[in-house]
Amino acid sequence: MDLQIIKRDGEPEYAVLSWDSYQALLKAAGLNDQVAALTATTTPESERQPPEPVQALPGLDQLRGLREGKGLALEVLARTVGISPSYLGMIETGERLPDLAIRRSLAWELGVAGWREAS
């Protein structure tokens, strides 16, 4: 089975596997019919609408202050969240808007209240 384990703080957090391995797991669990029905009803790529622009969470402009208030170096927070320090720098200056997964990770690491409601 093709499998990649992604860890945070030395503990497994995510498992990434190939599509074929995923399908084999579904089949072994008896769930392949349910997933087949879902994939059969998805919209063809030619008919898909472009995604809505991602909106910034309130307080994203205060990211640098939150990070510095916790005494975290830019490099440390970036590596903890799983992004490069240069990308985090661009997020802090407003040059880039992170996706939801990165925003949630940043909120979690910085102890921002209500991070679960942002999903």
Protein backbone atom coordinates (compact mmCIF):
# COMPACT_ATOMS: atom_id res chain seq x y z
CA MET A 1 0.00 0.00 0.00
CA ASP A 2 1.34 3.44 -0.95
CA LEU A 3 1.10 5.45 2.25
CA GLN A 4 2.60 8.69 3.52
CA ILE A 5 2.29 9.66 7.19
CA ILE A 6 2.40 13.36 8.06
CA LYS A 7 3.33 14.12 11.64
CA ARG A 8 2.95 17.14 13.91
CA ASP A 9 5.01 17.30 17.08
CA GLY A 10 6.16 13.73 16.44
CA GLU A 11 2.61 12.35 16.39
CA PRO A 12 0.82 11.09 13.25
CA GLU A 13 -1.77 13.63 12.10
CA TYR A 14 -2.62 12.71 8.50
CA ALA A 15 -2.29 9.68 6.25
CA VAL A 16 -2.04 10.17 2.50
CA LEU A 17 -2.53 7.22 0.21
CA SER A 18 -2.89 6.56 -3.50
CA TRP A 19 -6.34 6.48 -5.08
CA ASP A 20 -6.00 2.76 -5.82
CA SER A 21 -5.13 2.03 -2.18
CA TYR A 22 -8.04 4.18 -1.05
CA GLN A 23 -10.41 2.27 -3.32
CA ALA A 24 -9.07 -1.05 -1.98
CA LEU A 25 -9.72 0.11 1.60
CA LEU A 26 -13.26 1.15 0.70
CA LYS A 27 -13.88 -2.20 -0.94
CA ALA A 28 -12.52 -4.07 2.10
CA ALA A 29 -14.79 -2.01 4.34
CA GLY A 30 -17.79 -2.63 2.10
CA LEU A 31 -18.17 1.06 1.27
CA ASN A 32 -17.16 1.10 -2.39
CA ASP A 33 -20.78 1.16 -3.66
CA GLN A 34 -21.59 4.29 -1.64
CA VAL A 35 -18.52 6.12 -2.91
CA ALA A 36 -19.16 5.00 -6.49
CA ALA A 37 -22.62 6.55 -6.29
CA LEU A 38 -21.11 9.82 -5.06
CA THR A 39 -18.45 10.00 -7.77
CA ALA A 40 -20.99 9.14 -10.47
CA THR A 41 -23.11 12.16 -9.52
CA THR A 42 -20.31 14.71 -9.42
CA THR A 43 -20.36 17.55 -11.91
CA PRO A 44 -18.14 17.01 -14.95
CA GLU A 45 -15.09 19.25 -15.01
CA SER A 46 -16.36 21.05 -18.12
CA GLU A 47 -19.47 22.19 -16.20
CA ARG A 48 -17.80 23.20 -12.93
CA GLN A 49 -17.96 26.79 -11.78
CA PRO A 50 -14.78 28.51 -10.59
CA PRO A 51 -14.45 28.41 -6.80
CA GLU A 52 -15.57 31.38 -4.77
CA PRO A 53 -12.71 33.62 -3.63
CA VAL A 54 -11.45 32.76 -0.16
CA GLN A 55 -12.37 35.37 2.40
CA ALA A 56 -9.88 36.38 5.05
CA LEU A 57 -10.76 35.47 8.59
CA PRO A 58 -11.11 38.42 10.93
CA GLY A 59 -7.80 39.04 12.63
CA LEU A 60 -5.59 37.63 9.87
CA ASP A 61 -4.07 41.10 9.57
CA GLN A 62 -3.05 40.74 13.23
CA LEU A 63 -1.14 37.50 12.63
CA ARG A 64 2.32 38.99 13.16
CA GLY A 65 1.26 40.58 16.45
CA LEU A 66 -0.26 37.31 17.66
CA ARG A 67 2.87 35.39 16.72
CA GLU A 68 5.20 37.89 18.36
CA GLY A 69 2.93 38.04 21.42
CA LYS A 70 3.44 34.29 21.85
CA GLY A 71 7.18 34.77 21.47
CA LEU A 72 7.31 32.61 18.34
CA ALA A 73 9.86 33.19 15.62
CA LEU A 74 8.43 33.29 12.12
CA GLU A 75 10.48 30.22 11.15
CA VAL A 76 9.25 28.20 14.14
CA LEU A 77 5.56 28.91 13.54
CA ALA A 78 5.88 28.28 9.81
CA ARG A 79 7.53 24.89 10.29
CA THR A 80 5.04 23.93 13.00
CA VAL A 81 2.14 24.69 10.66
CA GLY A 82 3.87 22.96 7.75
CA ILE A 83 4.59 25.89 5.47
CA SER A 84 7.75 27.74 4.52
CA PRO A 85 8.85 30.80 6.48
CA SER A 86 8.72 32.89 3.30
CA TYR A 87 5.08 31.87 2.71
CA LEU A 88 4.18 32.78 6.30
CA GLY A 89 5.90 36.13 5.78
CA MET A 90 3.75 36.74 2.71
CA ILE A 91 0.63 35.83 4.70
CA GLU A 92 1.61 38.28 7.45
CA THR A 93 2.14 41.10 4.94
CA GLY A 94 -1.12 40.35 3.11
CA GLU A 95 0.59 39.25 -0.11
CA ARG A 96 -0.97 35.78 0.15
CA LEU A 97 -4.23 34.49 1.55
CA PRO A 98 -3.82 31.02 3.05
CA ASP A 99 -6.31 28.25 2.47
CA LEU A 100 -8.65 27.09 5.21
CA ALA A 101 -6.39 24.29 6.44
CA ILE A 102 -3.47 26.67 6.98
CA ARG A 103 -5.70 29.27 8.65
CA ARG A 104 -7.01 26.63 11.03
CA SER A 105 -3.50 25.43 11.83
CA LEU A 106 -2.32 28.98 12.46
CA ALA A 107 -5.33 29.66 14.69
CA TRP A 108 -4.72 26.43 16.61
CA GLU A 109 -1.02 27.14 17.15
CA LEU A 110 -1.69 30.74 18.19
CA GLY A 111 -4.58 29.82 20.48
CA VAL A 112 -7.17 31.87 18.64
CA ALA A 113 -10.63 31.26 20.11
CA GLY A 114 -13.30 29.93 17.77
CA TRP A 115 -10.91 28.23 15.33
CA ARG A 116 -13.29 25.26 15.00
CA GLU A 117 -16.15 27.47 13.82
CA ALA A 118 -14.07 28.66 10.85
CA SER A 119 -14.62 25.40 8.96
